[in-house]
Amino acid sequence: LPGSRMGELKAHTDTLLETAQNLLEVHPDAKFLIPATNDKNVHFIKGRIRNNPTKNLKLIKGKVDEILSSSNIAIAASGTASLQIALHKKPMIIIYKGSWISYFIWKMVRLIPNVSLPNILLNENFVPEMLQHRATPNLLSEKACKIINDNSPNGLGFCEKCTPLNIIMRGKDKNLWKIEKSGKTKKWIKVN
């Protein structure tokens, strides 16, 4: 989800297309779905795809909920899309690239430590945020692979920080996992 405003599309689309190419090297059967909010965005993204061809990629106008429900992971521009992804209980990475002046000013005067709405609402840092210089195809694909390869329920979108302690769930590896608390932190532990 590269964003809905043209400035976001210009800042994020090529990065996300290159990230998809990197992920295909590790997961050659991966499929990538890009929702676009309107005809103008579809036209822009089609042009970027022509300049940066990536196999197994499909551009779809609208249908964000259908795309998210069929996804294993989402990489999205910071904004309301992060709440939509959270409602679908999908693992996500939030990106944002803007002007360096705006970023510098935000860093100097920010009142909250995060930019993604799930992190802000929970006052936690559980959704990875890759901002500015960290929003590169290499770093994004590395973080996505780490999430994709996580066999615990965390890899299925069930954050250990948001899951009650008395829950036992199946992970991607089909094993049972439970939440264990150690001090202030909680983590998934495989049940024997």
Protein backbone atom coordinates (compact mmCIF):
# COMPACT_ATOMS: atom_id res chain seq x y z
CA LEU A 1 0.00 0.00 0.00
CA PRO A 2 2.15 2.89 -1.27
CA GLY A 3 -0.31 5.58 -0.13
CA SER A 4 -3.23 7.45 -1.63
CA ARG A 5 -1.79 10.92 -2.23
CA MET A 6 0.42 11.57 -5.26
CA GLY A 7 3.36 12.72 -3.11
CA GLU A 8 3.24 9.41 -1.22
CA LEU A 9 3.07 7.43 -4.45
CA LYS A 10 6.08 9.28 -5.85
CA ALA A 11 8.05 8.68 -2.64
CA HIS A 12 7.10 5.02 -2.09
CA THR A 13 6.18 3.19 -5.30
CA ASP A 14 9.67 2.52 -6.69
CA THR A 15 10.93 1.50 -3.25
CA LEU A 16 8.09 -1.00 -2.89
CA LEU A 17 8.61 -2.40 -6.40
CA GLU A 18 12.31 -2.93 -5.72
CA THR A 19 11.43 -4.52 -2.36
CA ALA A 20 9.16 -6.96 -4.23
CA GLN A 21 12.04 -7.84 -6.59
CA ASN A 22 14.30 -8.52 -3.58
CA LEU A 23 11.64 -10.71 -1.97
CA LEU A 24 11.25 -12.71 -5.18
CA GLU A 25 14.90 -13.72 -4.94
CA VAL A 26 14.17 -15.37 -1.57
CA HIS A 27 10.52 -16.36 -2.16
CA PRO A 28 10.20 -16.95 -5.94
CA ASP A 29 6.53 -17.98 -5.68
CA ALA A 30 5.48 -14.81 -3.83
CA LYS A 31 2.66 -12.75 -5.32
CA PHE A 32 2.32 -9.00 -4.82
CA LEU A 33 -0.97 -7.10 -4.87
CA ILE A 34 -1.02 -3.30 -5.04
CA PRO A 35 -4.33 -1.58 -4.36
CA ALA A 36 -4.82 1.86 -5.89
CA THR A 37 -7.52 4.23 -4.71
CA ASN A 38 -8.46 5.89 -8.01
CA ASP A 39 -7.76 6.03 -11.77
CA LYS A 40 -5.06 8.69 -11.39
CA ASN A 41 -3.14 6.50 -8.94
CA VAL A 42 -3.60 3.42 -11.15
CA HIS A 43 -2.15 5.35 -14.10
CA PHE A 44 0.85 6.55 -12.06
CA ILE A 45 1.62 3.12 -10.62
CA LYS A 46 1.29 1.45 -14.06
CA GLY A 47 3.91 3.88 -15.35
CA ARG A 48 6.28 3.00 -12.50
CA ILE A 49 5.72 -0.72 -13.11
CA ARG A 50 6.69 -0.24 -16.78
CA ASN A 51 9.97 1.36 -15.64
CA ASN A 52 10.55 -1.24 -12.93
CA PRO A 53 9.04 -4.54 -14.12
CA THR A 54 8.40 -7.03 -11.35
CA LYS A 55 6.91 -10.45 -11.97
CA ASN A 56 4.03 -11.83 -9.91
CA LEU A 57 2.63 -8.33 -9.40
CA LYS A 58 -0.98 -7.27 -9.83
CA LEU A 59 -2.33 -3.73 -9.62
CA ILE A 60 -5.97 -3.53 -8.49
CA LYS A 61 -8.22 -0.49 -8.23
CA GLY A 62 -9.92 -0.50 -4.82
CA LYS A 63 -10.69 -3.81 -3.07
CA VAL A 64 -8.25 -3.10 -0.24
CA ASP A 65 -10.12 -5.32 2.23
CA GLU A 66 -10.13 -8.27 -0.18
CA ILE A 67 -6.41 -7.79 -0.83
CA LEU A 68 -5.58 -7.60 2.87
CA SER A 69 -7.65 -10.65 3.75
CA SER A 70 -5.68 -12.72 1.23
CA SER A 71 -2.27 -11.30 2.22
CA ASN A 72 0.41 -12.80 4.46
CA ILE A 73 2.08 -9.45 5.15
CA ALA A 74 1.57 -5.80 4.19
CA ILE A 75 4.03 -2.99 3.67
CA ALA A 76 2.16 0.29 3.83
CA ALA A 77 2.64 4.03 3.95
CA SER A 78 1.92 5.47 7.38
CA GLY A 79 -1.71 6.51 7.69
CA THR A 80 -5.14 5.01 8.14
CA ALA A 81 -4.14 1.97 6.05
CA SER A 82 -2.22 0.72 9.10
CA LEU A 83 -5.47 0.53 11.08
CA GLN A 84 -7.12 -1.31 8.20
CA ILE A 85 -4.27 -3.83 8.18
CA ALA A 86 -4.52 -4.22 11.97
CA LEU A 87 -8.24 -4.98 11.66
CA HIS A 88 -7.31 -7.82 9.30
CA LYS A 89 -4.75 -9.03 11.89
CA LYS A 90 -1.95 -9.08 9.33
CA PRO A 91 1.72 -8.48 10.07
CA MET A 92 2.86 -5.16 8.65
CA ILE A 93 5.75 -2.84 8.11
CA ILE A 94 5.05 0.88 8.01
CA ILE A 95 7.11 3.11 5.74
CA TYR A 96 7.25 6.82 5.15
CA LYS A 97 9.53 8.95 3.05
CA GLY A 98 9.07 12.68 2.84
CA SER A 99 11.20 15.74 2.41
CA TRP A 100 14.28 15.82 4.60
CA ILE A 101 13.30 19.25 5.91
CA SER A 102 9.91 17.95 7.09
CA TYR A 103 11.55 14.89 8.63
CA PHE A 104 14.13 17.01 10.45
CA ILE A 105 11.44 19.34 11.83
CA TRP A 106 9.32 16.35 12.91
CA LYS A 107 12.33 14.81 14.70
CA MET A 108 12.98 18.09 16.53
CA VAL A 109 9.42 18.87 17.69
CA ARG A 110 7.69 15.51 17.81
CA LEU A 111 5.53 14.93 20.83
CA ILE A 112 5.09 11.21 20.23
CA PRO A 113 7.78 8.66 19.37
CA ASN A 114 5.90 6.84 16.58
CA VAL A 115 4.18 7.60 13.28
CA SER A 116 2.00 4.52 12.72
CA LEU A 117 -1.48 4.70 14.18
CA PRO A 118 -1.39 1.24 15.85
CA ASN A 119 1.83 2.20 17.66
CA ILE A 120 0.41 5.59 18.64
CA LEU A 121 -2.89 4.15 19.90
CA LEU A 122 -1.23 1.40 21.93
CA ASN A 123 1.66 3.62 23.04
CA GLU A 124 3.92 0.69 22.07
CA ASN A 125 6.42 0.08 19.31
CA PHE A 126 5.18 -3.26 17.96
CA VAL A 127 4.68 -2.38 14.29
CA PRO A 128 8.06 -1.88 12.59
CA GLU A 129 8.43 1.66 11.24
CA MET A 130 10.94 2.21 8.45
CA LEU A 131 11.21 5.96 7.95
CA GLN A 132 13.24 8.08 5.53
CA HIS A 133 16.72 6.54 5.13
CA ARG A 134 15.58 3.23 6.66
CA ALA A 135 12.84 2.81 4.02
CA THR A 136 15.13 1.13 1.48
CA PRO A 137 14.37 -1.98 -0.58
CA ASN A 138 17.15 -3.95 1.14
CA LEU A 139 16.09 -3.10 4.69
CA LEU A 140 12.40 -3.56 3.89
CA SER A 141 12.90 -6.96 2.26
CA GLU A 142 15.15 -8.07 5.15
CA LYS A 143 12.48 -7.07 7.71
CA ALA A 144 9.70 -8.67 5.63
CA CYS A 145 11.65 -11.95 5.38
CA LYS A 146 12.11 -11.97 9.14
CA ILE A 147 8.34 -11.64 9.62
CA ILE A 148 7.48 -14.13 6.85
CA ASN A 149 9.87 -16.73 8.29
CA ASP A 150 8.58 -16.34 11.87
CA ASN A 151 6.83 -19.64 12.65
CA SER A 152 5.12 -18.35 15.80
CA PRO A 153 1.62 -16.84 15.63
CA ASN A 154 3.44 -13.49 15.40
CA GLY A 155 4.20 -14.41 11.77
CA LEU A 156 0.46 -14.79 11.25
CA GLY A 157 -0.24 -11.29 12.58
CA PHE A 158 -0.89 -12.11 16.24
CA CYS A 159 1.33 -9.71 18.12
CA GLU A 160 2.61 -11.04 21.42
CA LYS A 161 2.06 -7.63 23.02
CA CYS A 162 -1.64 -7.66 22.07
CA THR A 163 -2.45 -11.30 22.85
CA PRO A 164 -3.65 -12.27 26.34
CA LEU A 165 -1.42 -14.54 28.43
CA ASN A 166 -3.91 -17.42 28.62
CA ILE A 167 -4.12 -17.94 24.84
CA ILE A 168 -2.60 -20.96 23.06
CA MET A 169 -2.48 -20.73 19.26
CA ARG A 170 -1.11 -22.62 16.27
CA GLY A 171 1.79 -21.02 14.46
CA LYS A 172 2.65 -21.23 10.79
CA ASP A 173 4.65 -24.34 11.62
CA LYS A 174 1.39 -25.99 12.91
CA ASN A 175 2.88 -26.26 16.44
CA LEU A 176 1.13 -24.87 19.50
CA TRP A 177 2.46 -21.61 20.93
CA LYS A 178 1.62 -19.65 24.09
CA ILE A 179 2.49 -16.23 25.46
CA GLU A 180 4.97 -16.13 28.31
CA LYS A 181 5.72 -13.02 30.33
CA SER A 182 9.21 -12.19 31.52
CA GLY A 183 9.32 -8.92 33.45
CA LYS A 184 7.54 -6.32 31.33
CA THR A 185 7.96 -8.20 28.04
CA LYS A 186 5.82 -10.97 26.56
CA LYS A 187 6.97 -13.42 23.91
CA TRP A 188 5.73 -16.52 22.07
CA ILE A 189 7.01 -19.83 23.44
CA LYS A 190 6.47 -23.15 21.68
CA VAL A 191 4.34 -25.56 23.75
CA ASN A 192 5.85 -29.06 23.93
